[in-house]
């Protein structure tokens, strides 16, 4: 008789453990989903804190362009169709990429080729130009 009571008690313990395990697993799952949602929200918040211009400039830098130039209108206004046409006409045709940023108030140009002094002078008549090119060390005493 004692043996039967012990068996019933063991089955009760097993059922209790299964129920507790199920609740623990469900609780962990809910907490994990909440953690992932908070993590995603935090990443979006951090991303939104970085100004659009900085993100676009970083995009150009990670694209490994040797030369990166930023063009802004002298009056600080947004680029119109004529400004875009002027920029594309007088920029070297080897320019790899242009990105409009800051609500069309700036264009970032990425290139593997340096803009000539003539290009920069002509574009400088209409735009303010900022050079964000990767700085390369000058090699002294080239190999003979």
C-alpha atoms as a PDB file:
ATOM      1  CA  UNK A   1       0.000   0.000   0.000  1.00  0.00           C
ATOM      2  CA  UNK A   2       2.787   2.360   0.804  1.00  0.00           C
ATOM      3  CA  UNK A   3       4.257   1.589  -2.588  1.00  0.00           C
ATOM      4  CA  UNK A   4       1.107   2.731  -4.466  1.00  0.00           C
ATOM      5  CA  UNK A   5       0.991   6.027  -2.606  1.00  0.00           C
ATOM      6  CA  UNK A   6       4.645   6.615  -3.428  1.00  0.00           C
ATOM      7  CA  UNK A   7       4.021   5.958  -7.137  1.00  0.00           C
ATOM      8  CA  UNK A   8       1.077   8.345  -7.221  1.00  0.00           C
ATOM      9  CA  UNK A   9       3.190  10.938  -5.471  1.00  0.00           C
ATOM     10  CA  UNK A  10       6.019  10.520  -8.008  1.00  0.00           C
ATOM     11  CA  UNK A  11       3.606  10.908 -10.934  1.00  0.00           C
ATOM     12  CA  UNK A  12       2.210  13.996  -9.242  1.00  0.00           C
ATOM     13  CA  UNK A  13       5.730  15.408  -8.923  1.00  0.00           C
ATOM     14  CA  UNK A  14       6.426  14.634 -12.573  1.00  0.00           C
ATOM     15  CA  UNK A  15       3.228  16.353 -13.676  1.00  0.00           C
ATOM     16  CA  UNK A  16       4.028  19.311 -11.441  1.00  0.00           C
ATOM     17  CA  UNK A  17       7.533  19.571 -12.884  1.00  0.00           C
ATOM     18  CA  UNK A  18       6.164  19.402 -16.446  1.00  0.00           C
ATOM     19  CA  UNK A  19       3.639  22.157 -15.702  1.00  0.00           C
ATOM     20  CA  UNK A  20       6.303  24.337 -14.022  1.00  0.00           C
ATOM     21  CA  UNK A  21       8.708  23.737 -16.888  1.00  0.00           C
ATOM     22  CA  UNK A  22       6.025  24.700 -19.414  1.00  0.00           C
ATOM     23  CA  UNK A  23       5.263  27.931 -17.548  1.00  0.00           C
ATOM     24  CA  UNK A  24       8.981  28.737 -17.285  1.00  0.00           C
ATOM     25  CA  UNK A  25       9.489  28.125 -20.985  1.00  0.00           C
ATOM     26  CA  UNK A  26       6.501  30.312 -21.881  1.00  0.00           C
ATOM     27  CA  UNK A  27       7.762  33.068 -19.564  1.00  0.00           C
ATOM     28  CA  UNK A  28      11.259  32.914 -21.074  1.00  0.00           C
ATOM     29  CA  UNK A  29       9.807  33.089 -24.583  1.00  0.00           C
ATOM     30  CA  UNK A  30       7.757  36.184 -23.723  1.00  0.00           C
ATOM     31  CA  UNK A  31      10.731  37.878 -22.074  1.00  0.00           C
ATOM     32  CA  UNK A  32      12.978  37.083 -25.044  1.00  0.00           C
ATOM     33  CA  UNK A  33      10.477  38.583 -27.517  1.00  0.00           C
ATOM     34  CA  UNK A  34      10.238  41.673 -25.328  1.00  0.00           C
ATOM     35  CA  UNK A  35      14.034  41.881 -25.172  1.00  0.00           C
ATOM     36  CA  UNK A  36      14.316  41.657 -28.970  1.00  0.00           C
ATOM     37  CA  UNK A  37      11.641  44.341 -29.418  1.00  0.00           C
ATOM     38  CA  UNK A  38      13.475  46.663 -27.004  1.00  0.00           C
ATOM     39  CA  UNK A  39      16.788  45.956 -28.728  1.00  0.00           C
ATOM     40  CA  UNK A  40      15.318  46.808 -32.148  1.00  0.00           C
ATOM     41  CA  UNK A  41      13.738  49.994 -30.800  1.00  0.00           C
ATOM     42  CA  UNK A  42      17.064  51.004 -29.229  1.00  0.00           C
ATOM     43  CA  UNK A  43      18.944  50.437 -32.502  1.00  0.00           C
ATOM     44  CA  UNK A  44      16.408  52.542 -34.412  1.00  0.00           C
ATOM     45  CA  UNK A  45      16.666  55.315 -31.815  1.00  0.00           C
ATOM     46  CA  UNK A  46      20.470  55.364 -32.016  1.00  0.00           C
ATOM     47  CA  UNK A  47      20.314  55.317 -35.827  1.00  0.00           C
ATOM     48  CA  UNK A  48      17.838  58.198 -35.861  1.00  0.00           C
ATOM     49  CA  UNK A  49      20.128  60.274 -33.625  1.00  0.00           C
ATOM     50  CA  UNK A  50      22.835  60.284 -36.312  1.00  0.00           C
ATOM     51  CA  UNK A  51      22.142  63.131 -38.744  1.00  0.00           C
ATOM     52  CA  UNK A  52      21.259  62.083 -42.287  1.00  0.00           C
ATOM     53  CA  UNK A  53      24.277  63.924 -43.690  1.00  0.00           C
ATOM     54  CA  UNK A  54      26.646  61.999 -41.393  1.00  0.00           C
ATOM     55  CA  UNK A  55      25.084  58.641 -42.363  1.00  0.00           C
ATOM     56  CA  UNK A  56      25.362  59.464 -46.081  1.00  0.00           C
ATOM     57  CA  UNK A  57      28.956  60.641 -45.673  1.00  0.00           C
ATOM     58  CA  UNK A  58      29.794  57.436 -43.823  1.00  0.00           C
ATOM     59  CA  UNK A  59      28.212  55.468 -46.674  1.00  0.00           C
ATOM     60  CA  UNK A  60      30.589  57.136 -49.115  1.00  0.00           C
ATOM     61  CA  UNK A  61      33.561  56.464 -46.860  1.00  0.00           C
ATOM     62  CA  UNK A  62      32.720  52.780 -46.484  1.00  0.00           C
ATOM     63  CA  UNK A  63      32.384  52.513 -50.274  1.00  0.00           C
ATOM     64  CA  UNK A  64      36.165  53.093 -50.368  1.00  0.00           C
ATOM     65  CA  UNK A  65      36.145  56.149 -52.595  1.00  0.00           C
ATOM     66  CA  UNK A  66      39.499  57.892 -52.577  1.00  0.00           C
ATOM     67  CA  UNK A  67      37.914  61.298 -53.061  1.00  0.00           C
ATOM     68  CA  UNK A  68      34.747  62.559 -51.409  1.00  0.00           C
ATOM     69  CA  UNK A  69      33.455  66.084 -51.999  1.00  0.00           C
ATOM     70  CA  UNK A  70      30.379  67.790 -50.577  1.00  0.00           C
ATOM     71  CA  UNK A  71      28.658  70.512 -52.597  1.00  0.00           C
ATOM     72  CA  UNK A  72      26.245  73.042 -51.091  1.00  0.00           C
ATOM     73  CA  UNK A  73      24.602  76.062 -52.663  1.00  0.00           C
ATOM     74  CA  UNK A  74      26.194  79.313 -51.570  1.00  0.00           C
ATOM     75  CA  UNK A  75      22.831  80.592 -50.310  1.00  0.00           C
ATOM     76  CA  UNK A  76      22.226  77.390 -48.305  1.00  0.00           C
ATOM     77  CA  UNK A  77      19.094  76.552 -50.286  1.00  0.00           C
ATOM     78  CA  UNK A  78      17.988  73.268 -51.777  1.00  0.00           C
ATOM     79  CA  UNK A  79      19.347  72.114 -55.128  1.00  0.00           C
ATOM     80  CA  UNK A  80      17.034  72.688 -58.078  1.00  0.00           C
ATOM     81  CA  UNK A  81      17.140  71.106 -61.539  1.00  0.00           C
ATOM     82  CA  UNK A  82      19.594  73.727 -62.846  1.00  0.00           C
ATOM     83  CA  UNK A  83      21.975  73.152 -59.931  1.00  0.00           C
ATOM     84  CA  UNK A  84      21.939  69.398 -60.523  1.00  0.00           C
ATOM     85  CA  UNK A  85      22.598  69.880 -64.226  1.00  0.00           C
ATOM     86  CA  UNK A  86      25.497  72.286 -63.497  1.00  0.00           C
ATOM     87  CA  UNK A  87      27.022  69.880 -60.982  1.00  0.00           C
ATOM     88  CA  UNK A  88      26.880  66.909 -63.340  1.00  0.00           C
ATOM     89  CA  UNK A  89      28.113  68.969 -66.301  1.00  0.00           C
ATOM     90  CA  UNK A  90      31.235  70.302 -64.568  1.00  0.00           C
ATOM     91  CA  UNK A  91      32.106  67.318 -62.380  1.00  0.00           C
ATOM     92  CA  UNK A  92      34.504  64.841 -63.972  1.00  0.00           C
ATOM     93  CA  UNK A  93      32.613  62.138 -65.813  1.00  0.00           C
ATOM     94  CA  UNK A  94      34.663  59.565 -63.881  1.00  0.00           C
ATOM     95  CA  UNK A  95      32.766  60.516 -60.709  1.00  0.00           C
ATOM     96  CA  UNK A  96      31.375  57.218 -59.459  1.00  0.00           C
ATOM     97  CA  UNK A  97      28.449  58.297 -57.290  1.00  0.00           C
ATOM     98  CA  UNK A  98      26.389  61.296 -56.221  1.00  0.00           C
ATOM     99  CA  UNK A  99      24.110  61.267 -53.171  1.00  0.00           C
ATOM    100  CA  UNK A 100      21.569  63.968 -52.430  1.00  0.00           C
ATOM    101  CA  UNK A 101      21.354  64.593 -48.672  1.00  0.00           C
ATOM    102  CA  UNK A 102      20.105  67.089 -46.088  1.00  0.00           C
ATOM    103  CA  UNK A 103      16.752  67.528 -47.846  1.00  0.00           C
ATOM    104  CA  UNK A 104      18.462  68.304 -51.172  1.00  0.00           C
ATOM    105  CA  UNK A 105      20.634  70.993 -49.575  1.00  0.00           C
ATOM    106  CA  UNK A 106      23.852  69.058 -50.241  1.00  0.00           C
ATOM    107  CA  UNK A 107      25.277  66.603 -52.730  1.00  0.00           C
ATOM    108  CA  UNK A 108      28.043  64.198 -51.811  1.00  0.00           C
ATOM    109  CA  UNK A 109      30.251  63.022 -54.678  1.00  0.00           C
ATOM    110  CA  UNK A 110      32.358  59.883 -54.366  1.00  0.00           C
ATOM    111  CA  UNK A 111      35.097  59.206 -56.868  1.00  0.00           C
ATOM    112  CA  UNK A 112      38.173  57.102 -57.402  1.00  0.00           C
ATOM    113  CA  UNK A 113      39.609  60.009 -59.384  1.00  0.00           C
ATOM    114  CA  UNK A 114      40.628  63.387 -58.039  1.00  0.00           C
ATOM    115  CA  UNK A 115      38.712  66.411 -59.280  1.00  0.00           C
ATOM    116  CA  UNK A 116      41.043  68.681 -61.224  1.00  0.00           C
ATOM    117  CA  UNK A 117      41.719  72.230 -60.056  1.00  0.00           C
ATOM    118  CA  UNK A 118      39.734  73.407 -63.103  1.00  0.00           C
ATOM    119  CA  UNK A 119      36.709  71.301 -62.079  1.00  0.00           C
ATOM    120  CA  UNK A 120      36.840  72.575 -58.511  1.00  0.00           C
ATOM    121  CA  UNK A 121      37.283  76.185 -59.625  1.00  0.00           C
ATOM    122  CA  UNK A 122      34.305  76.025 -61.996  1.00  0.00           C
ATOM    123  CA  UNK A 123      32.094  74.288 -59.436  1.00  0.00           C
ATOM    124  CA  UNK A 124      33.307  76.696 -56.748  1.00  0.00           C
ATOM    125  CA  UNK A 125      31.762  79.607 -58.640  1.00  0.00           C
ATOM    126  CA  UNK A 126      28.313  78.235 -57.845  1.00  0.00           C
ATOM    127  CA  UNK A 127      28.774  75.974 -54.814  1.00  0.00           C
ATOM    128  CA  UNK A 128      30.627  75.795 -51.531  1.00  0.00           C
ATOM    129  CA  UNK A 129      32.854  72.718 -51.682  1.00  0.00           C
ATOM    130  CA  UNK A 130      34.024  70.642 -48.726  1.00  0.00           C
ATOM    131  CA  UNK A 131      36.722  68.019 -49.248  1.00  0.00           C
ATOM    132  CA  UNK A 132      36.238  64.853 -47.160  1.00  0.00           C
ATOM    133  CA  UNK A 133      38.718  62.798 -49.170  1.00  0.00           C
ATOM    134  CA  UNK A 134      40.740  60.118 -47.444  1.00  0.00           C
ATOM    135  CA  UNK A 135      44.031  61.703 -46.433  1.00  0.00           C
ATOM    136  CA  UNK A 136      46.978  59.785 -47.784  1.00  0.00           C
ATOM    137  CA  UNK A 137      50.480  60.158 -46.454  1.00  0.00           C
ATOM    138  CA  UNK A 138      52.945  61.644 -48.848  1.00  0.00           C
ATOM    139  CA  UNK A 139      55.748  59.204 -49.582  1.00  0.00           C
ATOM    140  CA  UNK A 140      59.133  60.834 -49.217  1.00  0.00           C
ATOM    141  CA  UNK A 141      61.936  59.670 -51.422  1.00  0.00           C
ATOM    142  CA  UNK A 142      60.256  57.497 -54.006  1.00  0.00           C
ATOM    143  CA  UNK A 143      62.006  54.244 -54.874  1.00  0.00           C
ATOM    144  CA  UNK A 144      64.375  54.465 -57.819  1.00  0.00           C
END
